[in-house]
N, C-alpha and C. Protein backbone atom coordinates (compact mmCIF):
# COMPACT_ATOMS: atom_id res chain seq x y z
N MET A 1 18.57 23.65 31.22
CA MET A 1 17.38 23.86 30.42
C MET A 1 17.46 23.09 29.10
N LYS A 2 18.63 23.12 28.46
CA LYS A 2 18.80 22.43 27.19
C LYS A 2 18.71 20.92 27.37
N THR A 3 19.18 20.42 28.51
CA THR A 3 19.13 18.98 28.76
C THR A 3 17.68 18.50 28.83
N TRP A 4 16.81 19.24 29.51
CA TRP A 4 15.40 18.86 29.60
C TRP A 4 14.74 18.90 28.24
N ALA A 5 15.09 19.87 27.42
CA ALA A 5 14.52 19.95 26.07
C ALA A 5 14.96 18.75 25.24
N LEU A 6 16.22 18.36 25.39
CA LEU A 6 16.73 17.19 24.66
C LEU A 6 16.01 15.92 25.12
N TYR A 7 15.87 15.74 26.44
CA TYR A 7 15.16 14.57 26.96
C TYR A 7 13.71 14.55 26.49
N GLY A 8 13.08 15.71 26.49
CA GLY A 8 11.70 15.80 26.01
C GLY A 8 11.59 15.42 24.54
N PHE A 9 12.54 15.89 23.73
CA PHE A 9 12.54 15.56 22.30
C PHE A 9 12.74 14.06 22.10
N VAL A 10 13.70 13.47 22.81
CA VAL A 10 13.97 12.04 22.68
C VAL A 10 12.74 11.23 23.11
N PHE A 11 12.11 11.63 24.21
CA PHE A 11 10.91 10.94 24.67
C PHE A 11 9.80 11.02 23.64
N LEU A 12 9.58 12.21 23.09
CA LEU A 12 8.54 12.39 22.07
C LEU A 12 8.83 11.54 20.84
N LEU A 13 10.07 11.52 20.40
CA LEU A 13 10.46 10.71 19.25
C LEU A 13 10.23 9.22 19.53
N ALA A 14 10.62 8.77 20.72
CA ALA A 14 10.41 7.36 21.08
C ALA A 14 8.92 7.02 21.12
N LEU A 15 8.12 7.94 21.61
CA LEU A 15 6.67 7.73 21.67
C LEU A 15 6.08 7.61 20.27
N ILE A 16 6.52 8.45 19.35
CA ILE A 16 6.04 8.40 17.97
C ILE A 16 6.42 7.08 17.32
N VAL A 17 7.67 6.67 17.48
CA VAL A 17 8.14 5.40 16.90
C VAL A 17 7.37 4.22 17.49
N ALA A 18 7.17 4.23 18.81
CA ALA A 18 6.45 3.13 19.46
C ALA A 18 5.00 3.06 18.99
N SER A 19 4.35 4.21 18.87
CA SER A 19 2.95 4.18 18.42
C SER A 19 2.84 3.73 16.97
N GLY A 20 3.79 4.13 16.13
CA GLY A 20 3.80 3.65 14.74
C GLY A 20 4.02 2.15 14.68
N GLY A 21 4.94 1.65 15.49
CA GLY A 21 5.18 0.21 15.54
C GLY A 21 3.97 -0.56 16.05
N PHE A 22 3.30 -0.01 17.06
CA PHE A 22 2.09 -0.65 17.57
C PHE A 22 1.00 -0.70 16.51
N TRP A 23 0.80 0.42 15.78
CA TRP A 23 -0.21 0.46 14.72
C TRP A 23 0.12 -0.59 13.65
N TYR A 24 1.38 -0.67 13.24
CA TYR A 24 1.77 -1.63 12.22
C TYR A 24 1.53 -3.05 12.73
N TRP A 25 1.90 -3.34 13.96
CA TRP A 25 1.71 -4.67 14.53
C TRP A 25 0.23 -5.02 14.57
N GLN A 26 -0.61 -4.07 14.97
CA GLN A 26 -2.05 -4.32 15.04
C GLN A 26 -2.63 -4.64 13.66
N THR A 27 -2.22 -3.90 12.65
CA THR A 27 -2.78 -4.15 11.32
C THR A 27 -2.24 -5.43 10.71
N GLN A 28 -1.05 -5.85 11.09
CA GLN A 28 -0.45 -7.04 10.50
C GLN A 28 -0.74 -8.31 11.30
N SER A 29 -1.10 -8.17 12.60
CA SER A 29 -1.25 -9.35 13.44
C SER A 29 -2.51 -10.14 13.11
N GLN A 30 -3.51 -9.50 12.60
CA GLN A 30 -4.75 -10.19 12.22
C GLN A 30 -4.48 -10.95 10.91
N GLN A 31 -4.86 -12.21 10.86
CA GLN A 31 -4.63 -13.00 9.65
C GLN A 31 -5.47 -12.44 8.51
N ALA A 32 -4.82 -12.12 7.40
CA ALA A 32 -5.52 -11.51 6.27
C ALA A 32 -6.11 -12.58 5.36
N ALA A 33 -7.30 -12.32 4.87
CA ALA A 33 -7.93 -13.16 3.86
C ALA A 33 -7.37 -12.73 2.51
N GLU A 34 -6.81 -13.68 1.77
CA GLU A 34 -6.18 -13.37 0.49
C GLU A 34 -7.22 -13.29 -0.63
N LEU A 35 -7.10 -12.25 -1.42
CA LEU A 35 -7.92 -12.11 -2.63
C LEU A 35 -7.04 -12.49 -3.81
N SER A 36 -7.56 -13.32 -4.71
CA SER A 36 -6.77 -13.85 -5.83
C SER A 36 -6.77 -12.89 -7.00
N LEU A 37 -5.58 -12.68 -7.54
CA LEU A 37 -5.41 -11.80 -8.69
C LEU A 37 -6.04 -12.42 -9.93
N GLN A 38 -6.82 -11.64 -10.63
CA GLN A 38 -7.42 -12.08 -11.89
C GLN A 38 -6.42 -11.77 -13.01
N VAL A 39 -6.07 -12.77 -13.79
CA VAL A 39 -5.10 -12.58 -14.87
C VAL A 39 -5.82 -12.49 -16.20
N PRO A 40 -5.29 -11.82 -17.17
CA PRO A 40 -4.01 -11.11 -17.14
C PRO A 40 -4.11 -9.80 -16.35
N CYS A 41 -2.97 -9.35 -15.88
CA CYS A 41 -2.91 -8.11 -15.11
C CYS A 41 -1.64 -7.36 -15.50
N ASP A 42 -1.79 -6.17 -16.02
CA ASP A 42 -0.67 -5.30 -16.34
C ASP A 42 -1.06 -3.88 -15.94
N LEU A 43 -0.57 -3.44 -14.79
CA LEU A 43 -0.93 -2.12 -14.28
C LEU A 43 -0.45 -0.99 -15.17
N ARG A 44 0.47 -1.29 -16.09
CA ARG A 44 0.93 -0.26 -17.03
C ARG A 44 -0.08 -0.05 -18.15
N LYS A 45 -1.07 -0.97 -18.24
CA LYS A 45 -2.10 -0.86 -19.29
C LYS A 45 -3.47 -0.51 -18.73
N ALA A 46 -3.82 -1.09 -17.58
CA ALA A 46 -5.17 -0.88 -17.03
C ALA A 46 -5.18 -1.30 -15.56
N ALA A 47 -6.28 -1.00 -14.89
CA ALA A 47 -6.46 -1.42 -13.50
C ALA A 47 -6.54 -2.95 -13.44
N CYS A 48 -6.11 -3.51 -12.31
CA CYS A 48 -6.17 -4.95 -12.10
C CYS A 48 -7.14 -5.25 -10.96
N THR A 49 -7.69 -6.47 -11.00
CA THR A 49 -8.70 -6.86 -10.01
C THR A 49 -8.28 -8.14 -9.30
N ALA A 50 -8.55 -8.19 -8.00
CA ALA A 50 -8.38 -9.41 -7.20
C ALA A 50 -9.70 -9.64 -6.48
N SER A 51 -10.07 -10.93 -6.33
CA SER A 51 -11.36 -11.24 -5.71
C SER A 51 -11.31 -12.60 -5.02
N ASP A 52 -12.39 -12.90 -4.32
CA ASP A 52 -12.54 -14.23 -3.72
C ASP A 52 -13.90 -14.81 -4.10
N SER A 53 -14.16 -16.03 -3.66
CA SER A 53 -15.40 -16.71 -4.04
C SER A 53 -16.64 -16.12 -3.37
N ALA A 54 -16.45 -15.30 -2.32
CA ALA A 54 -17.59 -14.68 -1.63
C ALA A 54 -18.04 -13.38 -2.29
N GLY A 55 -17.37 -12.99 -3.37
CA GLY A 55 -17.75 -11.77 -4.08
C GLY A 55 -17.02 -10.52 -3.65
N HIS A 56 -16.09 -10.63 -2.68
CA HIS A 56 -15.28 -9.48 -2.30
C HIS A 56 -14.30 -9.21 -3.44
N SER A 57 -14.17 -7.96 -3.85
CA SER A 57 -13.20 -7.66 -4.90
C SER A 57 -12.56 -6.30 -4.67
N VAL A 58 -11.35 -6.20 -5.19
CA VAL A 58 -10.54 -4.99 -5.11
C VAL A 58 -9.99 -4.71 -6.49
N GLN A 59 -10.20 -3.51 -6.96
CA GLN A 59 -9.60 -3.08 -8.22
C GLN A 59 -8.53 -2.05 -7.87
N PHE A 60 -7.33 -2.20 -8.44
CA PHE A 60 -6.19 -1.35 -8.10
C PHE A 60 -5.60 -0.75 -9.36
N SER A 61 -5.25 0.53 -9.28
CA SER A 61 -4.59 1.18 -10.43
C SER A 61 -3.56 2.18 -9.94
N ILE A 62 -2.60 2.45 -10.83
CA ILE A 62 -1.56 3.45 -10.58
C ILE A 62 -1.57 4.41 -11.76
N THR A 63 -1.57 5.71 -11.48
CA THR A 63 -1.42 6.71 -12.55
C THR A 63 -0.31 7.68 -12.17
N PRO A 64 0.46 8.11 -13.16
CA PRO A 64 0.35 7.76 -14.57
C PRO A 64 0.72 6.29 -14.80
N THR A 65 0.15 5.71 -15.84
CA THR A 65 0.34 4.28 -16.10
C THR A 65 1.76 3.95 -16.55
N THR A 66 2.55 4.95 -16.91
CA THR A 66 3.96 4.68 -17.24
C THR A 66 4.76 4.38 -15.98
N ILE A 67 4.19 4.66 -14.82
CA ILE A 67 4.78 4.42 -13.49
C ILE A 67 6.22 4.95 -13.43
N PRO A 68 6.40 6.25 -13.56
CA PRO A 68 7.75 6.82 -13.50
C PRO A 68 8.32 6.78 -12.09
N LEU A 69 9.63 6.69 -12.00
CA LEU A 69 10.32 6.70 -10.71
C LEU A 69 10.56 8.14 -10.28
N MET A 70 10.62 8.36 -8.98
CA MET A 70 10.91 9.66 -8.38
C MET A 70 9.92 10.75 -8.79
N GLN A 71 8.70 10.33 -9.11
CA GLN A 71 7.62 11.26 -9.40
C GLN A 71 6.38 10.80 -8.63
N GLU A 72 5.54 11.75 -8.28
CA GLU A 72 4.35 11.41 -7.52
C GLU A 72 3.39 10.55 -8.34
N LEU A 73 2.98 9.45 -7.73
CA LEU A 73 2.02 8.52 -8.34
C LEU A 73 0.72 8.59 -7.55
N THR A 74 -0.38 8.39 -8.24
CA THR A 74 -1.68 8.29 -7.58
C THR A 74 -2.10 6.83 -7.57
N LEU A 75 -2.38 6.32 -6.39
CA LEU A 75 -2.84 4.95 -6.21
C LEU A 75 -4.34 5.01 -5.97
N ARG A 76 -5.07 4.18 -6.71
CA ARG A 76 -6.54 4.16 -6.56
C ARG A 76 -7.00 2.73 -6.29
N VAL A 77 -7.94 2.61 -5.37
CA VAL A 77 -8.54 1.32 -5.03
C VAL A 77 -10.05 1.48 -5.06
N GLN A 78 -10.70 0.50 -5.69
CA GLN A 78 -12.16 0.42 -5.68
C GLN A 78 -12.52 -0.91 -5.06
N VAL A 79 -13.41 -0.90 -4.06
CA VAL A 79 -13.80 -2.14 -3.38
C VAL A 79 -15.26 -2.46 -3.69
N GLN A 80 -15.55 -3.77 -3.72
CA GLN A 80 -16.92 -4.26 -3.90
C GLN A 80 -17.18 -5.33 -2.84
N GLN A 81 -18.36 -5.29 -2.26
CA GLN A 81 -18.80 -6.26 -1.25
C GLN A 81 -17.93 -6.25 0.01
N LEU A 82 -17.25 -5.15 0.26
CA LEU A 82 -16.49 -4.98 1.50
C LEU A 82 -17.14 -3.83 2.26
N LEU A 83 -17.83 -4.18 3.33
CA LEU A 83 -18.60 -3.19 4.08
C LEU A 83 -17.80 -2.67 5.27
N ALA A 84 -18.07 -1.45 5.66
CA ALA A 84 -17.47 -0.80 6.83
C ALA A 84 -15.95 -0.82 6.78
N VAL A 85 -15.39 -0.46 5.65
CA VAL A 85 -13.93 -0.38 5.52
C VAL A 85 -13.42 0.66 6.50
N GLN A 86 -12.45 0.26 7.33
CA GLN A 86 -11.87 1.18 8.30
C GLN A 86 -10.65 1.89 7.73
N THR A 87 -9.72 1.11 7.19
CA THR A 87 -8.51 1.69 6.58
C THR A 87 -8.11 0.87 5.37
N ILE A 88 -7.45 1.54 4.44
CA ILE A 88 -6.82 0.86 3.31
C ILE A 88 -5.41 1.41 3.19
N GLY A 89 -4.46 0.50 3.13
CA GLY A 89 -3.06 0.88 2.95
C GLY A 89 -2.46 0.09 1.81
N VAL A 90 -1.48 0.69 1.15
CA VAL A 90 -0.77 0.01 0.08
C VAL A 90 0.71 -0.01 0.45
N LYS A 91 1.29 -1.20 0.49
CA LYS A 91 2.71 -1.37 0.77
C LYS A 91 3.36 -1.90 -0.50
N ILE A 92 4.41 -1.23 -0.96
CA ILE A 92 5.08 -1.65 -2.19
C ILE A 92 6.49 -2.11 -1.85
N ASP A 93 6.82 -3.33 -2.30
CA ASP A 93 8.13 -3.94 -2.08
C ASP A 93 8.80 -4.21 -3.41
N GLY A 94 10.12 -4.03 -3.45
CA GLY A 94 10.90 -4.44 -4.61
C GLY A 94 11.10 -5.94 -4.58
N LEU A 95 10.92 -6.61 -5.71
CA LEU A 95 11.06 -8.07 -5.76
C LEU A 95 12.45 -8.51 -6.20
N ASN A 96 13.04 -7.82 -7.17
CA ASN A 96 14.35 -8.26 -7.66
C ASN A 96 15.50 -7.50 -6.99
N MET A 97 15.19 -6.54 -6.13
CA MET A 97 16.20 -5.85 -5.33
C MET A 97 15.50 -5.24 -4.13
N TYR A 98 16.13 -5.38 -2.96
CA TYR A 98 15.54 -4.80 -1.76
C TYR A 98 15.62 -3.28 -1.84
N MET A 99 14.47 -2.64 -1.73
CA MET A 99 14.38 -1.18 -1.80
C MET A 99 13.68 -0.62 -0.56
N GLY A 100 13.67 -1.40 0.52
CA GLY A 100 12.85 -1.01 1.65
C GLY A 100 11.40 -1.20 1.24
N TYR A 101 10.49 -0.57 1.93
CA TYR A 101 9.12 -0.62 1.45
C TYR A 101 8.56 0.79 1.43
N GLN A 102 7.69 1.00 0.49
CA GLN A 102 7.01 2.28 0.34
C GLN A 102 5.57 2.06 0.80
N TYR A 103 5.04 2.99 1.58
CA TYR A 103 3.71 2.79 2.14
C TYR A 103 2.86 4.04 1.92
N ALA A 104 1.61 3.82 1.55
CA ALA A 104 0.65 4.92 1.42
C ALA A 104 -0.65 4.51 2.10
N LYS A 105 -1.15 5.37 2.96
CA LYS A 105 -2.47 5.18 3.54
C LYS A 105 -3.45 5.90 2.63
N LEU A 106 -4.44 5.17 2.14
CA LEU A 106 -5.39 5.76 1.20
C LEU A 106 -6.55 6.42 1.94
N GLU A 107 -7.04 7.49 1.36
CA GLU A 107 -8.16 8.23 1.91
C GLU A 107 -9.42 7.92 1.11
N ALA A 108 -10.56 7.90 1.78
CA ALA A 108 -11.83 7.61 1.11
C ALA A 108 -12.25 8.78 0.23
N VAL A 109 -12.60 8.45 -1.02
CA VAL A 109 -13.22 9.42 -1.93
C VAL A 109 -14.73 9.32 -1.76
N ASP A 110 -15.21 8.08 -1.67
CA ASP A 110 -16.59 7.77 -1.32
C ASP A 110 -16.59 6.38 -0.70
N GLN A 111 -17.74 5.74 -0.56
CA GLN A 111 -17.83 4.46 0.14
C GLN A 111 -17.05 3.34 -0.54
N HIS A 112 -16.83 3.43 -1.83
CA HIS A 112 -16.17 2.34 -2.56
C HIS A 112 -14.84 2.73 -3.20
N HIS A 113 -14.48 4.00 -3.19
CA HIS A 113 -13.28 4.48 -3.87
C HIS A 113 -12.32 5.15 -2.89
N TYR A 114 -11.04 4.79 -3.01
CA TYR A 114 -10.00 5.31 -2.13
C TYR A 114 -8.80 5.70 -2.99
N GLN A 115 -8.04 6.70 -2.52
CA GLN A 115 -6.83 7.05 -3.26
C GLN A 115 -5.80 7.66 -2.34
N GLY A 116 -4.55 7.60 -2.81
CA GLY A 116 -3.42 8.16 -2.07
C GLY A 116 -2.27 8.43 -3.02
N LYS A 117 -1.22 9.01 -2.48
CA LYS A 117 -0.04 9.39 -3.27
C LYS A 117 1.18 8.64 -2.76
N LEU A 118 2.13 8.45 -3.67
CA LEU A 118 3.35 7.71 -3.35
C LEU A 118 4.42 8.06 -4.36
N ILE A 119 5.68 8.00 -3.95
CA ILE A 119 6.81 8.17 -4.87
C ILE A 119 7.68 6.93 -4.77
N LEU A 120 7.95 6.29 -5.90
CA LEU A 120 8.84 5.12 -5.92
C LEU A 120 10.28 5.60 -6.08
N PRO A 121 11.21 4.98 -5.34
CA PRO A 121 12.61 5.39 -5.46
C PRO A 121 13.24 4.86 -6.74
N VAL A 122 14.29 5.54 -7.16
CA VAL A 122 15.04 5.08 -8.33
C VAL A 122 15.98 3.96 -7.87
N CYS A 123 16.28 3.06 -8.78
CA CYS A 123 17.10 1.89 -8.47
C CYS A 123 18.24 1.79 -9.48
N THR A 124 19.29 1.07 -9.11
CA THR A 124 20.39 0.86 -10.05
C THR A 124 19.99 -0.11 -11.16
N GLU A 125 18.99 -0.93 -10.89
CA GLU A 125 18.49 -1.84 -11.92
C GLU A 125 17.66 -1.06 -12.94
N ALA A 126 17.89 -1.30 -14.22
CA ALA A 126 17.12 -0.61 -15.27
C ALA A 126 15.67 -1.10 -15.28
N HIS A 127 15.48 -2.38 -14.99
CA HIS A 127 14.13 -2.98 -14.95
C HIS A 127 13.89 -3.45 -13.52
N MET A 128 12.91 -2.87 -12.88
CA MET A 128 12.61 -3.21 -11.49
C MET A 128 11.24 -3.87 -11.41
N GLN A 129 11.17 -4.97 -10.66
CA GLN A 129 9.91 -5.68 -10.43
C GLN A 129 9.44 -5.35 -9.01
N TRP A 130 8.17 -5.01 -8.90
CA TRP A 130 7.58 -4.59 -7.63
C TRP A 130 6.33 -5.41 -7.34
N GLN A 131 5.91 -5.37 -6.08
CA GLN A 131 4.61 -5.92 -5.71
C GLN A 131 3.92 -4.93 -4.79
N ALA A 132 2.71 -4.55 -5.18
CA ALA A 132 1.88 -3.69 -4.34
C ALA A 132 0.92 -4.58 -3.56
N SER A 133 0.99 -4.52 -2.25
CA SER A 133 0.08 -5.27 -1.39
C SER A 133 -0.96 -4.30 -0.84
N VAL A 134 -2.20 -4.53 -1.20
CA VAL A 134 -3.30 -3.69 -0.73
C VAL A 134 -3.90 -4.37 0.49
N LEU A 135 -3.88 -3.67 1.63
CA LEU A 135 -4.44 -4.20 2.88
C LEU A 135 -5.69 -3.41 3.23
N ILE A 136 -6.80 -4.13 3.35
CA ILE A 136 -8.09 -3.51 3.63
C ILE A 136 -8.57 -4.03 4.98
N ASN A 137 -8.73 -3.11 5.93
CA ASN A 137 -9.18 -3.48 7.27
C ASN A 137 -10.65 -3.16 7.45
N THR A 138 -11.41 -4.19 7.84
CA THR A 138 -12.82 -4.03 8.20
C THR A 138 -12.96 -4.52 9.64
N PRO A 139 -14.07 -4.25 10.30
CA PRO A 139 -14.22 -4.73 11.68
C PRO A 139 -14.12 -6.26 11.81
N GLU A 140 -14.56 -6.98 10.80
CA GLU A 140 -14.57 -8.44 10.88
C GLU A 140 -13.29 -9.10 10.36
N GLN A 141 -12.62 -8.48 9.40
CA GLN A 141 -11.55 -9.18 8.69
C GLN A 141 -10.61 -8.18 8.04
N THR A 142 -9.36 -8.62 7.86
CA THR A 142 -8.41 -7.88 7.03
C THR A 142 -8.29 -8.65 5.72
N TYR A 143 -8.32 -7.93 4.62
CA TYR A 143 -8.20 -8.54 3.29
C TYR A 143 -6.90 -8.05 2.67
N ARG A 144 -6.27 -8.94 1.90
CA ARG A 144 -5.01 -8.60 1.25
C ARG A 144 -5.08 -9.02 -0.21
N ALA A 145 -4.61 -8.12 -1.08
CA ALA A 145 -4.51 -8.43 -2.51
C ALA A 145 -3.14 -7.97 -2.98
N ALA A 146 -2.45 -8.81 -3.74
CA ALA A 146 -1.11 -8.50 -4.23
C ALA A 146 -1.17 -8.26 -5.74
N PHE A 147 -0.53 -7.16 -6.15
CA PHE A 147 -0.52 -6.77 -7.56
C PHE A 147 0.92 -6.54 -8.01
N PRO A 148 1.46 -7.41 -8.88
CA PRO A 148 2.82 -7.19 -9.37
C PRO A 148 2.83 -6.15 -10.50
N PHE A 149 3.96 -5.44 -10.61
CA PHE A 149 4.13 -4.51 -11.72
C PHE A 149 5.62 -4.24 -11.93
N ASP A 150 5.94 -3.66 -13.06
CA ASP A 150 7.33 -3.38 -13.43
C ASP A 150 7.52 -1.89 -13.66
N THR A 151 8.76 -1.44 -13.40
CA THR A 151 9.16 -0.08 -13.79
C THR A 151 10.44 -0.18 -14.60
N PHE A 152 10.67 0.84 -15.40
CA PHE A 152 11.85 0.89 -16.26
C PHE A 152 12.52 2.24 -16.09
N ARG A 153 13.80 2.22 -15.71
CA ARG A 153 14.56 3.46 -15.54
C ARG A 153 14.93 4.00 -16.91
N GLN A 154 14.75 5.30 -17.08
CA GLN A 154 15.04 5.90 -18.39
C GLN A 154 16.33 6.67 -18.37
């Protein structure tokens, strides 16, 4: 009896991992249209915007703006001229040290505003450089905007 339960658990775990991998592959396999970051951009001071020549734009912010480590952060995205948004995800990578990646799937607040929660890990580096990649999936296209930011260990 215990053997069947173990096999069932392993099968279920493998199914979950495979479906997560398939979802990630599907969202990444479509070539993303890059939105250009408007400078200056300092997420510790205000929201930042990325856009393209067709009028598509994404505004991204993190609160609290001090961006503390090991505390819950709220990620907010506002979109303009992007219709029928299916999903928005934010992937955060460490630039000056590999920290794995942190991922948040954002939920719709309304047609143009999305938000989600995330916790950044603490690092041995006192000053950490990060990049938040916002991926916006629509039926026609995937859009990507990259937003750099820094954290400071206290």
